[in-house]
N, C-alpha and C. Protein backbone atom coordinates (compact mmCIF):
# COMPACT_ATOMS: atom_id res chain seq x y z
N UNK A 1 -9.77 13.59 0.55
CA UNK A 1 -8.48 13.66 -0.13
C UNK A 1 -8.48 12.71 -1.32
N UNK A 2 -8.20 13.28 -2.50
CA UNK A 2 -8.10 12.45 -3.70
C UNK A 2 -6.71 11.84 -3.75
N UNK A 3 -6.65 10.53 -3.93
CA UNK A 3 -5.37 9.84 -4.04
C UNK A 3 -5.19 9.32 -5.45
N UNK A 4 -3.99 9.47 -5.99
CA UNK A 4 -3.68 9.06 -7.35
C UNK A 4 -2.48 8.12 -7.33
N UNK A 5 -2.58 7.04 -8.10
CA UNK A 5 -1.49 6.07 -8.18
C UNK A 5 -1.20 5.78 -9.64
N UNK A 6 0.04 6.06 -10.06
CA UNK A 6 0.45 5.82 -11.44
C UNK A 6 1.10 4.44 -11.55
N UNK A 7 1.02 3.88 -12.75
CA UNK A 7 1.72 2.64 -13.05
C UNK A 7 1.96 2.57 -14.54
N UNK A 8 2.78 1.60 -14.96
CA UNK A 8 2.99 1.38 -16.38
C UNK A 8 4.32 1.87 -16.93
N UNK A 9 5.10 2.53 -16.10
CA UNK A 9 6.40 2.98 -16.56
C UNK A 9 7.37 1.82 -16.75
N UNK A 10 8.53 2.14 -17.32
CA UNK A 10 9.54 1.11 -17.52
C UNK A 10 10.59 1.55 -18.51
N UNK A 11 11.38 0.58 -18.93
CA UNK A 11 12.45 0.81 -19.90
C UNK A 11 11.97 0.35 -21.28
N UNK A 12 12.12 1.22 -22.26
CA UNK A 12 11.68 0.88 -23.61
C UNK A 12 12.69 1.44 -24.61
N UNK A 13 12.82 0.78 -25.74
CA UNK A 13 13.73 1.24 -26.77
C UNK A 13 13.11 2.41 -27.55
N UNK A 14 13.93 3.25 -28.14
CA UNK A 14 13.40 4.32 -28.99
C UNK A 14 12.48 3.75 -30.07
N UNK A 15 11.37 4.43 -30.27
CA UNK A 15 10.37 3.95 -31.21
C UNK A 15 9.33 3.06 -30.60
N UNK A 16 9.55 2.65 -29.37
CA UNK A 16 8.61 1.76 -28.69
C UNK A 16 7.43 2.48 -28.07
N UNK A 17 6.61 1.71 -27.37
CA UNK A 17 5.38 2.25 -26.77
C UNK A 17 5.25 1.82 -25.32
N UNK A 18 4.54 2.64 -24.56
CA UNK A 18 4.15 2.32 -23.20
C UNK A 18 2.77 2.92 -22.97
N UNK A 19 2.02 2.30 -22.06
CA UNK A 19 0.76 2.90 -21.63
C UNK A 19 0.80 3.09 -20.12
N UNK A 20 0.68 4.34 -19.72
CA UNK A 20 0.63 4.67 -18.31
C UNK A 20 -0.81 4.70 -17.84
N UNK A 21 -1.01 4.31 -16.58
CA UNK A 21 -2.34 4.38 -15.96
C UNK A 21 -2.25 5.21 -14.70
N UNK A 22 -3.34 5.88 -14.40
CA UNK A 22 -3.46 6.68 -13.18
C UNK A 22 -4.81 6.33 -12.57
N UNK A 23 -4.79 5.67 -11.42
CA UNK A 23 -6.02 5.24 -10.74
C UNK A 23 -6.27 6.15 -9.56
N UNK A 24 -7.50 6.63 -9.46
CA UNK A 24 -7.88 7.56 -8.40
C UNK A 24 -8.77 6.90 -7.37
N UNK A 25 -8.71 7.44 -6.17
CA UNK A 25 -9.62 7.00 -5.10
C UNK A 25 -9.81 8.14 -4.13
N UNK A 26 -10.91 8.10 -3.40
CA UNK A 26 -11.13 9.06 -2.33
C UNK A 26 -12.24 10.07 -2.58
N UNK A 27 -12.32 10.60 -3.79
CA UNK A 27 -13.35 11.58 -4.12
C UNK A 27 -14.00 11.18 -5.44
N UNK A 28 -15.06 11.88 -5.80
CA UNK A 28 -15.74 11.60 -7.06
C UNK A 28 -14.84 11.96 -8.22
N UNK A 29 -14.45 10.96 -8.97
CA UNK A 29 -13.41 11.13 -9.99
C UNK A 29 -13.80 12.11 -11.07
N UNK A 30 -15.07 12.08 -11.49
CA UNK A 30 -15.46 12.93 -12.62
C UNK A 30 -15.67 14.40 -12.23
N UNK A 31 -15.29 14.76 -11.02
CA UNK A 31 -15.26 16.17 -10.63
C UNK A 31 -13.93 16.83 -10.98
N UNK A 32 -12.99 16.03 -11.52
CA UNK A 32 -11.62 16.51 -11.69
C UNK A 32 -11.12 16.39 -13.13
N UNK A 33 -10.50 17.47 -13.60
CA UNK A 33 -9.64 17.36 -14.77
C UNK A 33 -8.36 16.65 -14.34
N UNK A 34 -7.78 15.90 -15.26
CA UNK A 34 -6.55 15.18 -14.96
C UNK A 34 -5.46 15.59 -15.93
N UNK A 35 -4.27 15.79 -15.41
CA UNK A 35 -3.12 16.11 -16.24
C UNK A 35 -1.98 15.14 -16.01
N UNK A 36 -1.24 14.90 -17.06
CA UNK A 36 0.03 14.17 -16.94
C UNK A 36 1.15 15.19 -17.06
N UNK A 37 2.07 15.15 -16.12
CA UNK A 37 3.26 15.98 -16.12
C UNK A 37 4.48 15.07 -16.13
N UNK A 38 5.61 15.64 -16.48
CA UNK A 38 6.84 14.86 -16.41
C UNK A 38 8.00 15.75 -15.96
N UNK A 39 8.98 15.11 -15.34
CA UNK A 39 10.15 15.84 -14.89
C UNK A 39 11.39 15.01 -15.16
N UNK A 40 12.25 15.56 -15.99
CA UNK A 40 13.54 14.93 -16.29
C UNK A 40 14.58 15.49 -15.32
N UNK A 41 15.67 14.76 -15.11
CA UNK A 41 16.71 15.22 -14.19
C UNK A 41 17.22 16.60 -14.57
N UNK A 42 17.25 17.50 -13.61
CA UNK A 42 17.77 18.84 -13.83
C UNK A 42 16.84 19.78 -14.57
N UNK A 43 15.61 19.33 -14.82
CA UNK A 43 14.66 20.16 -15.57
C UNK A 43 13.41 20.44 -14.75
N UNK A 44 12.68 21.48 -15.18
CA UNK A 44 11.42 21.80 -14.54
C UNK A 44 10.36 20.75 -14.88
N UNK A 45 9.39 20.61 -13.97
CA UNK A 45 8.26 19.73 -14.27
C UNK A 45 7.41 20.41 -15.34
N UNK A 46 7.06 19.66 -16.37
CA UNK A 46 6.30 20.22 -17.48
C UNK A 46 5.03 19.44 -17.74
N UNK A 47 4.02 20.15 -18.23
CA UNK A 47 2.77 19.51 -18.58
C UNK A 47 2.89 18.77 -19.90
N UNK A 48 2.32 17.58 -19.96
CA UNK A 48 2.39 16.74 -21.15
C UNK A 48 1.05 16.63 -21.84
N UNK A 49 0.02 16.28 -21.06
CA UNK A 49 -1.28 16.07 -21.65
C UNK A 49 -2.35 16.23 -20.58
N UNK A 50 -3.56 16.66 -21.03
CA UNK A 50 -4.62 16.98 -20.09
C UNK A 50 -5.95 16.51 -20.64
N UNK A 51 -6.84 16.11 -19.73
CA UNK A 51 -8.16 15.67 -20.17
C UNK A 51 -9.21 16.22 -19.20
N UNK A 52 -10.32 16.65 -19.75
CA UNK A 52 -11.37 17.27 -18.95
C UNK A 52 -12.15 16.25 -18.16
N UNK A 53 -13.02 16.75 -17.31
CA UNK A 53 -13.76 15.88 -16.38
C UNK A 53 -14.52 14.77 -17.09
N UNK A 54 -15.17 15.10 -18.19
CA UNK A 54 -15.98 14.12 -18.91
C UNK A 54 -15.22 13.52 -20.09
N UNK A 55 -13.98 13.92 -20.28
CA UNK A 55 -13.18 13.37 -21.36
C UNK A 55 -13.47 13.99 -22.72
N UNK A 56 -14.22 15.09 -22.75
CA UNK A 56 -14.61 15.66 -24.04
C UNK A 56 -13.62 16.70 -24.55
N UNK A 57 -12.61 16.99 -23.75
CA UNK A 57 -11.59 17.94 -24.18
C UNK A 57 -10.22 17.43 -23.78
N UNK A 58 -9.27 17.48 -24.70
CA UNK A 58 -7.90 17.06 -24.42
C UNK A 58 -6.92 18.10 -24.94
N UNK A 59 -5.76 18.17 -24.30
CA UNK A 59 -4.72 19.08 -24.73
C UNK A 59 -3.38 18.35 -24.64
N UNK A 60 -2.46 18.77 -25.51
CA UNK A 60 -1.15 18.13 -25.55
C UNK A 60 -0.05 19.19 -25.67
N UNK A 61 1.08 18.90 -25.07
CA UNK A 61 2.27 19.70 -25.33
C UNK A 61 2.71 19.46 -26.77
N UNK A 62 3.29 20.48 -27.38
CA UNK A 62 3.72 20.34 -28.78
C UNK A 62 4.69 19.18 -28.96
N UNK A 63 5.50 18.93 -27.95
CA UNK A 63 6.53 17.90 -28.06
C UNK A 63 5.97 16.49 -28.16
N UNK A 64 4.71 16.30 -27.78
CA UNK A 64 4.14 14.94 -27.79
C UNK A 64 2.94 14.80 -28.73
N UNK A 65 2.52 15.89 -29.35
CA UNK A 65 1.36 15.82 -30.25
C UNK A 65 1.60 14.81 -31.35
N UNK A 66 0.59 14.00 -31.60
CA UNK A 66 0.69 12.98 -32.64
C UNK A 66 1.34 11.69 -32.17
N UNK A 67 1.92 11.70 -30.99
CA UNK A 67 2.56 10.48 -30.45
C UNK A 67 1.88 9.97 -29.19
N UNK A 68 1.37 10.87 -28.37
CA UNK A 68 0.72 10.49 -27.11
C UNK A 68 -0.79 10.70 -27.23
N UNK A 69 -1.53 9.83 -26.55
CA UNK A 69 -2.99 9.95 -26.50
C UNK A 69 -3.46 9.77 -25.07
N UNK A 70 -4.22 10.73 -24.58
CA UNK A 70 -4.78 10.65 -23.24
C UNK A 70 -6.24 10.24 -23.33
N UNK A 71 -6.68 9.42 -22.37
CA UNK A 71 -8.08 9.00 -22.32
C UNK A 71 -8.44 8.73 -20.87
N UNK A 72 -9.74 8.60 -20.62
CA UNK A 72 -10.16 8.28 -19.25
C UNK A 72 -11.37 7.39 -19.29
N UNK A 73 -11.50 6.60 -18.22
CA UNK A 73 -12.66 5.74 -18.02
C UNK A 73 -13.18 6.07 -16.62
N UNK A 74 -14.19 6.92 -16.56
CA UNK A 74 -14.69 7.35 -15.26
C UNK A 74 -15.35 6.22 -14.47
N UNK A 75 -15.83 5.21 -15.16
CA UNK A 75 -16.40 4.06 -14.45
C UNK A 75 -15.32 3.29 -13.68
N UNK A 76 -14.07 3.43 -14.14
CA UNK A 76 -12.96 2.73 -13.50
C UNK A 76 -12.05 3.70 -12.73
N UNK A 77 -12.44 4.98 -12.68
CA UNK A 77 -11.64 6.00 -11.98
C UNK A 77 -10.20 6.00 -12.48
N UNK A 78 -10.04 5.89 -13.78
CA UNK A 78 -8.70 5.72 -14.34
C UNK A 78 -8.49 6.63 -15.55
N UNK A 79 -7.30 7.18 -15.64
CA UNK A 79 -6.85 7.92 -16.81
C UNK A 79 -5.64 7.20 -17.40
N UNK A 80 -5.58 7.18 -18.72
CA UNK A 80 -4.50 6.49 -19.41
C UNK A 80 -3.70 7.49 -20.24
N UNK A 81 -2.43 7.17 -20.42
CA UNK A 81 -1.59 7.92 -21.36
C UNK A 81 -0.89 6.89 -22.25
N UNK A 82 -1.36 6.79 -23.48
CA UNK A 82 -0.74 5.91 -24.46
C UNK A 82 0.39 6.68 -25.12
N UNK A 83 1.59 6.15 -25.03
CA UNK A 83 2.77 6.82 -25.55
C UNK A 83 3.40 5.96 -26.65
N UNK A 84 3.39 6.47 -27.86
CA UNK A 84 3.96 5.76 -29.01
C UNK A 84 5.16 6.53 -29.56
N UNK A 85 5.93 5.86 -30.38
CA UNK A 85 7.11 6.48 -31.02
C UNK A 85 7.97 7.21 -29.99
N UNK A 86 8.26 6.53 -28.92
CA UNK A 86 8.99 7.17 -27.82
C UNK A 86 10.41 7.52 -28.23
N UNK A 87 10.87 8.63 -27.68
CA UNK A 87 12.20 9.16 -27.97
C UNK A 87 13.01 9.23 -26.66
N UNK A 88 14.32 9.24 -26.75
CA UNK A 88 15.13 9.37 -25.53
C UNK A 88 14.76 10.61 -24.72
N UNK A 89 14.36 11.68 -25.38
CA UNK A 89 14.02 12.91 -24.65
C UNK A 89 12.69 12.80 -23.91
N UNK A 90 11.97 11.70 -24.08
CA UNK A 90 10.76 11.45 -23.28
C UNK A 90 11.10 10.86 -21.92
N UNK A 91 12.35 10.53 -21.71
CA UNK A 91 12.77 9.95 -20.43
C UNK A 91 12.53 10.93 -19.30
N UNK A 92 11.79 10.49 -18.29
CA UNK A 92 11.42 11.35 -17.16
C UNK A 92 10.60 10.54 -16.17
N UNK A 93 10.35 11.14 -15.02
CA UNK A 93 9.33 10.62 -14.12
C UNK A 93 8.01 11.27 -14.54
N UNK A 94 7.01 10.44 -14.71
CA UNK A 94 5.69 10.91 -15.15
C UNK A 94 4.74 10.89 -13.95
N UNK A 95 4.06 12.02 -13.77
CA UNK A 95 3.12 12.18 -12.68
C UNK A 95 1.73 12.47 -13.23
N UNK A 96 0.71 11.91 -12.60
CA UNK A 96 -0.63 12.40 -12.90
C UNK A 96 -1.08 13.30 -11.75
N UNK A 97 -1.94 14.24 -12.09
CA UNK A 97 -2.39 15.22 -11.12
C UNK A 97 -3.83 15.61 -11.43
N UNK A 98 -4.53 16.13 -10.42
CA UNK A 98 -5.94 16.45 -10.57
C UNK A 98 -6.22 17.89 -10.16
N UNK A 99 -7.08 18.54 -10.92
CA UNK A 99 -7.57 19.86 -10.55
C UNK A 99 -9.09 19.84 -10.60
N UNK A 100 -9.68 20.56 -9.64
CA UNK A 100 -11.14 20.64 -9.61
C UNK A 100 -11.56 22.00 -10.17
N UNK A 101 -12.25 21.95 -11.31
CA UNK A 101 -12.74 23.15 -11.97
C UNK A 101 -14.18 22.93 -12.42
N UNK A 102 -14.92 24.00 -12.64
CA UNK A 102 -16.27 23.83 -13.20
C UNK A 102 -16.21 23.19 -14.58
N UNK A 103 -17.29 22.57 -14.96
CA UNK A 103 -17.37 21.95 -16.28
C UNK A 103 -17.04 23.00 -17.34
N UNK A 104 -16.18 22.63 -18.29
CA UNK A 104 -15.83 23.53 -19.38
C UNK A 104 -14.57 24.33 -19.16
N UNK A 105 -13.99 24.23 -17.98
CA UNK A 105 -12.75 24.95 -17.67
C UNK A 105 -11.65 23.94 -17.34
N UNK A 106 -10.52 24.08 -18.01
CA UNK A 106 -9.38 23.20 -17.76
C UNK A 106 -8.11 24.00 -17.97
N UNK A 107 -7.20 23.89 -17.02
CA UNK A 107 -5.93 24.60 -17.14
C UNK A 107 -4.80 23.62 -17.42
N UNK A 108 -3.67 24.16 -17.82
CA UNK A 108 -2.48 23.36 -18.05
C UNK A 108 -1.36 23.79 -17.11
N UNK A 109 -1.74 24.54 -16.08
CA UNK A 109 -0.74 25.08 -15.16
C UNK A 109 -0.65 24.22 -13.92
N UNK A 110 0.54 23.75 -13.60
CA UNK A 110 0.70 22.83 -12.47
C UNK A 110 0.28 23.47 -11.15
N UNK A 111 0.30 24.81 -11.07
CA UNK A 111 -0.09 25.47 -9.82
C UNK A 111 -1.57 25.24 -9.49
N UNK A 112 -2.36 24.89 -10.49
CA UNK A 112 -3.78 24.68 -10.27
C UNK A 112 -4.12 23.24 -9.89
N UNK A 113 -3.11 22.36 -9.95
CA UNK A 113 -3.36 20.95 -9.69
C UNK A 113 -3.03 20.65 -8.23
N UNK A 114 -4.06 20.22 -7.51
CA UNK A 114 -3.96 20.10 -6.06
C UNK A 114 -3.53 18.73 -5.58
N UNK A 115 -3.80 17.71 -6.37
CA UNK A 115 -3.51 16.34 -5.95
C UNK A 115 -2.56 15.70 -6.94
N UNK A 116 -1.55 14.99 -6.41
CA UNK A 116 -0.50 14.41 -7.25
C UNK A 116 -0.23 12.97 -6.85
N UNK A 117 0.12 12.17 -7.86
CA UNK A 117 0.58 10.82 -7.59
C UNK A 117 2.07 10.83 -7.25
N UNK A 118 2.61 9.63 -7.02
CA UNK A 118 4.00 9.51 -6.61
C UNK A 118 4.95 9.44 -7.81
N UNK A 119 4.41 9.24 -9.00
CA UNK A 119 5.21 9.21 -10.21
C UNK A 119 5.62 7.81 -10.62
N UNK A 120 5.87 7.67 -11.93
CA UNK A 120 6.37 6.41 -12.48
C UNK A 120 7.47 6.74 -13.48
N UNK A 121 8.57 5.99 -13.41
CA UNK A 121 9.73 6.28 -14.24
C UNK A 121 9.56 5.72 -15.64
N UNK A 122 9.82 6.55 -16.63
CA UNK A 122 9.85 6.12 -18.03
C UNK A 122 11.27 6.39 -18.55
N UNK A 123 11.91 5.35 -19.05
CA UNK A 123 13.25 5.47 -19.60
C UNK A 123 13.25 4.95 -21.03
N UNK A 124 13.67 5.81 -21.95
CA UNK A 124 13.73 5.44 -23.36
C UNK A 124 15.20 5.39 -23.76
N UNK A 125 15.67 4.19 -23.99
CA UNK A 125 17.09 4.01 -24.27
C UNK A 125 17.32 2.71 -25.00
N UNK A 126 18.33 2.70 -25.86
CA UNK A 126 18.71 1.47 -26.55
C UNK A 126 19.82 0.75 -25.78
């Protein structure tokens, strides 16, 4: 069983930055693509950013392109989400999740992600 633990959330003013971390344990980390999802109150959970097993491919939702950067350090079993120029509409619980796919295949669909963390709250407010 792959276990994921997020950290780094908090309260930040509009225009500020946060870096989220997702630490994995239990299985070989580089066998998994990792995605960051978020869910705001009353809204569906949506995909934010994704990174492939070796970190050579990344994808972003249009709403965060140019502001968020995803990266991973497989030696540390960790994925990061650097969030800059934060907006109030970025307020949500952020989850990291893992999917196991062959090298070169990565999805952005939450139905394909089998393992999930408990989430970390991000609040953007003045």
